[in-house]
Amino acid sequence: MSMKRSKQRSGGGREKDLDASFWNKPSEPERTWEQQMENQPEEAFAQYAMTARYTKGQLLLHPKFGKGVIVEVEPQRVEILFQEGKKKLGHGQTPPT
């Protein structure tokens, strides 16, 4: 004689009810490209290079896209806000040999 077992529910039902954003700090409203470029001297812009490492908020000068500001940093990529919109580009990578 075999006994059927009913499926057990996990005790984690409460986590679904809580919104994860509840615990996060409220984020600042994202500034526009124009606001970020306002009053920035030409010397503040670093020339973009895929092999360099970048930090959030750093100003860049890209040969194709122009002036931009780093808005997000990942281990291998950065998201840069240019006048025409956001682009994800590589950073901190050694060039292929």
C-alpha atoms as a PDB file:
ATOM      1  CA  MET A   1       0.000   0.000   0.000  1.00  0.00           C
ATOM      2  CA  SER A   2       1.486   3.347  -1.005  1.00  0.00           C
ATOM      3  CA  MET A   3       0.665   6.635   0.557  1.00  0.00           C
ATOM      4  CA  LYS A   4       0.270   9.696  -1.565  1.00  0.00           C
ATOM      5  CA  ARG A   5       1.867  12.802  -0.238  1.00  0.00           C
ATOM      6  CA  SER A   6       0.369  16.154  -0.856  1.00  0.00           C
ATOM      7  CA  LYS A   7       2.608  18.840  -2.262  1.00  0.00           C
ATOM      8  CA  GLN A   8       4.110  20.954   0.442  1.00  0.00           C
ATOM      9  CA  ARG A   9       4.028  24.664   0.107  1.00  0.00           C
ATOM     10  CA  SER A  10       7.147  26.596   0.748  1.00  0.00           C
ATOM     11  CA  GLY A  11       6.974  28.925   3.694  1.00  0.00           C
ATOM     12  CA  GLY A  12       8.178  31.833   1.560  1.00  0.00           C
ATOM     13  CA  GLY A  13       4.846  33.169   0.409  1.00  0.00           C
ATOM     14  CA  ARG A  14       5.317  36.478   2.165  1.00  0.00           C
ATOM     15  CA  GLU A  15       8.275  37.567   0.021  1.00  0.00           C
ATOM     16  CA  LYS A  16       6.025  37.793  -3.009  1.00  0.00           C
ATOM     17  CA  ASP A  17       3.799  40.269  -1.232  1.00  0.00           C
ATOM     18  CA  LEU A  18       6.605  42.729  -0.495  1.00  0.00           C
ATOM     19  CA  ASP A  19       7.772  44.945  -3.306  1.00  0.00           C
ATOM     20  CA  ALA A  20      11.580  44.801  -3.532  1.00  0.00           C
ATOM     21  CA  SER A  21      11.732  48.506  -4.327  1.00  0.00           C
ATOM     22  CA  PHE A  22      10.286  49.222  -0.884  1.00  0.00           C
ATOM     23  CA  TRP A  23      13.694  48.590   0.688  1.00  0.00           C
ATOM     24  CA  ASN A  24      15.716  50.550  -1.885  1.00  0.00           C
ATOM     25  CA  LYS A  25      16.609  54.185  -1.448  1.00  0.00           C
ATOM     26  CA  PRO A  26      14.525  56.502  -3.579  1.00  0.00           C
ATOM     27  CA  SER A  27      16.535  57.273  -6.681  1.00  0.00           C
ATOM     28  CA  GLU A  28      17.244  60.767  -7.860  1.00  0.00           C
ATOM     29  CA  PRO A  29      15.479  61.764 -11.058  1.00  0.00           C
ATOM     30  CA  GLU A  30      17.853  61.238 -13.959  1.00  0.00           C
ATOM     31  CA  ARG A  31      19.314  64.454 -15.314  1.00  0.00           C
ATOM     32  CA  THR A  32      19.206  65.161 -19.033  1.00  0.00           C
ATOM     33  CA  TRP A  33      22.280  65.337 -21.241  1.00  0.00           C
ATOM     34  CA  GLU A  34      21.910  69.112 -21.463  1.00  0.00           C
ATOM     35  CA  GLN A  35      21.806  69.454 -17.669  1.00  0.00           C
ATOM     36  CA  GLN A  36      24.892  67.255 -17.255  1.00  0.00           C
ATOM     37  CA  MET A  37      26.907  69.145 -19.897  1.00  0.00           C
ATOM     38  CA  GLU A  38      26.004  72.578 -18.555  1.00  0.00           C
ATOM     39  CA  ASN A  39      29.068  74.639 -17.530  1.00  0.00           C
ATOM     40  CA  GLN A  40      31.503  71.745 -18.094  1.00  0.00           C
ATOM     41  CA  PRO A  41      34.935  72.898 -19.304  1.00  0.00           C
ATOM     42  CA  GLU A  42      36.524  71.113 -22.279  1.00  0.00           C
ATOM     43  CA  GLU A  43      39.350  69.870 -20.022  1.00  0.00           C
ATOM     44  CA  ALA A  44      36.856  67.865 -17.930  1.00  0.00           C
ATOM     45  CA  PHE A  45      36.251  65.386 -20.777  1.00  0.00           C
ATOM     46  CA  ALA A  46      38.499  62.325 -20.997  1.00  0.00           C
ATOM     47  CA  GLN A  47      39.071  60.711 -24.394  1.00  0.00           C
ATOM     48  CA  TYR A  48      37.169  57.378 -24.581  1.00  0.00           C
ATOM     49  CA  ALA A  49      39.314  54.242 -24.805  1.00  0.00           C
ATOM     50  CA  MET A  50      37.980  50.699 -24.481  1.00  0.00           C
ATOM     51  CA  THR A  51      41.011  49.701 -22.407  1.00  0.00           C
ATOM     52  CA  ALA A  52      40.457  52.390 -19.747  1.00  0.00           C
ATOM     53  CA  ARG A  53      38.347  51.933 -16.606  1.00  0.00           C
ATOM     54  CA  TYR A  54      35.558  54.414 -15.926  1.00  0.00           C
ATOM     55  CA  THR A  55      33.398  55.446 -12.991  1.00  0.00           C
ATOM     56  CA  LYS A  56      29.842  56.702 -12.720  1.00  0.00           C
ATOM     57  CA  GLY A  57      29.553  60.420 -13.412  1.00  0.00           C
ATOM     58  CA  GLN A  58      32.782  60.620 -15.401  1.00  0.00           C
ATOM     59  CA  LEU A  59      32.707  62.831 -18.511  1.00  0.00           C
ATOM     60  CA  LEU A  60      33.912  61.373 -21.817  1.00  0.00           C
ATOM     61  CA  LEU A  61      34.613  62.477 -25.345  1.00  0.00           C
ATOM     62  CA  HIS A  62      33.884  59.743 -27.910  1.00  0.00           C
ATOM     63  CA  PRO A  63      35.216  60.100 -31.480  1.00  0.00           C
ATOM     64  CA  LYS A  64      31.862  59.159 -33.056  1.00  0.00           C
ATOM     65  CA  PHE A  65      29.176  60.034 -30.473  1.00  0.00           C
ATOM     66  CA  GLY A  66      30.718  63.193 -28.997  1.00  0.00           C
ATOM     67  CA  LYS A  67      30.448  64.304 -25.382  1.00  0.00           C
ATOM     68  CA  GLY A  68      28.866  61.986 -22.835  1.00  0.00           C
ATOM     69  CA  VAL A  69      28.576  61.139 -19.170  1.00  0.00           C
ATOM     70  CA  ILE A  70      28.763  57.674 -17.566  1.00  0.00           C
ATOM     71  CA  VAL A  71      25.391  56.816 -15.995  1.00  0.00           C
ATOM     72  CA  GLU A  72      25.891  53.101 -15.196  1.00  0.00           C
ATOM     73  CA  VAL A  73      28.973  50.932 -14.636  1.00  0.00           C
ATOM     74  CA  GLU A  74      29.173  47.143 -15.075  1.00  0.00           C
ATOM     75  CA  PRO A  75      32.331  45.010 -14.884  1.00  0.00           C
ATOM     76  CA  GLN A  76      32.837  44.900 -18.672  1.00  0.00           C
ATOM     77  CA  ARG A  77      30.567  47.695 -19.933  1.00  0.00           C
ATOM     78  CA  VAL A  78      29.523  51.232 -19.187  1.00  0.00           C
ATOM     79  CA  GLU A  79      26.309  52.977 -20.128  1.00  0.00           C
ATOM     80  CA  ILE A  80      26.988  56.461 -21.438  1.00  0.00           C
ATOM     81  CA  LEU A  81      24.430  59.211 -21.972  1.00  0.00           C
ATOM     82  CA  PHE A  82      25.173  61.047 -25.214  1.00  0.00           C
ATOM     83  CA  GLN A  83      23.137  63.827 -26.792  1.00  0.00           C
ATOM     84  CA  GLU A  84      21.460  61.309 -29.121  1.00  0.00           C
ATOM     85  CA  GLY A  85      20.705  58.851 -26.295  1.00  0.00           C
ATOM     86  CA  LYS A  86      22.271  56.115 -24.157  1.00  0.00           C
ATOM     87  CA  LYS A  87      24.861  53.678 -25.505  1.00  0.00           C
ATOM     88  CA  LYS A  88      26.522  50.689 -23.858  1.00  0.00           C
ATOM     89  CA  LEU A  89      30.232  50.477 -24.576  1.00  0.00           C
ATOM     90  CA  GLY A  90      33.037  48.252 -23.319  1.00  0.00           C
ATOM     91  CA  HIS A  91      35.631  49.388 -20.783  1.00  0.00           C
ATOM     92  CA  GLY A  92      38.625  47.986 -18.974  1.00  0.00           C
ATOM     93  CA  GLN A  93      39.217  45.340 -21.625  1.00  0.00           C
ATOM     94  CA  THR A  94      42.596  44.396 -22.997  1.00  0.00           C
ATOM     95  CA  PRO A  95      42.774  44.690 -26.773  1.00  0.00           C
ATOM     96  CA  PRO A  96      42.924  41.445 -28.776  1.00  0.00           C
ATOM     97  CA  THR A  97      46.399  40.412 -29.915  1.00  0.00           C
END
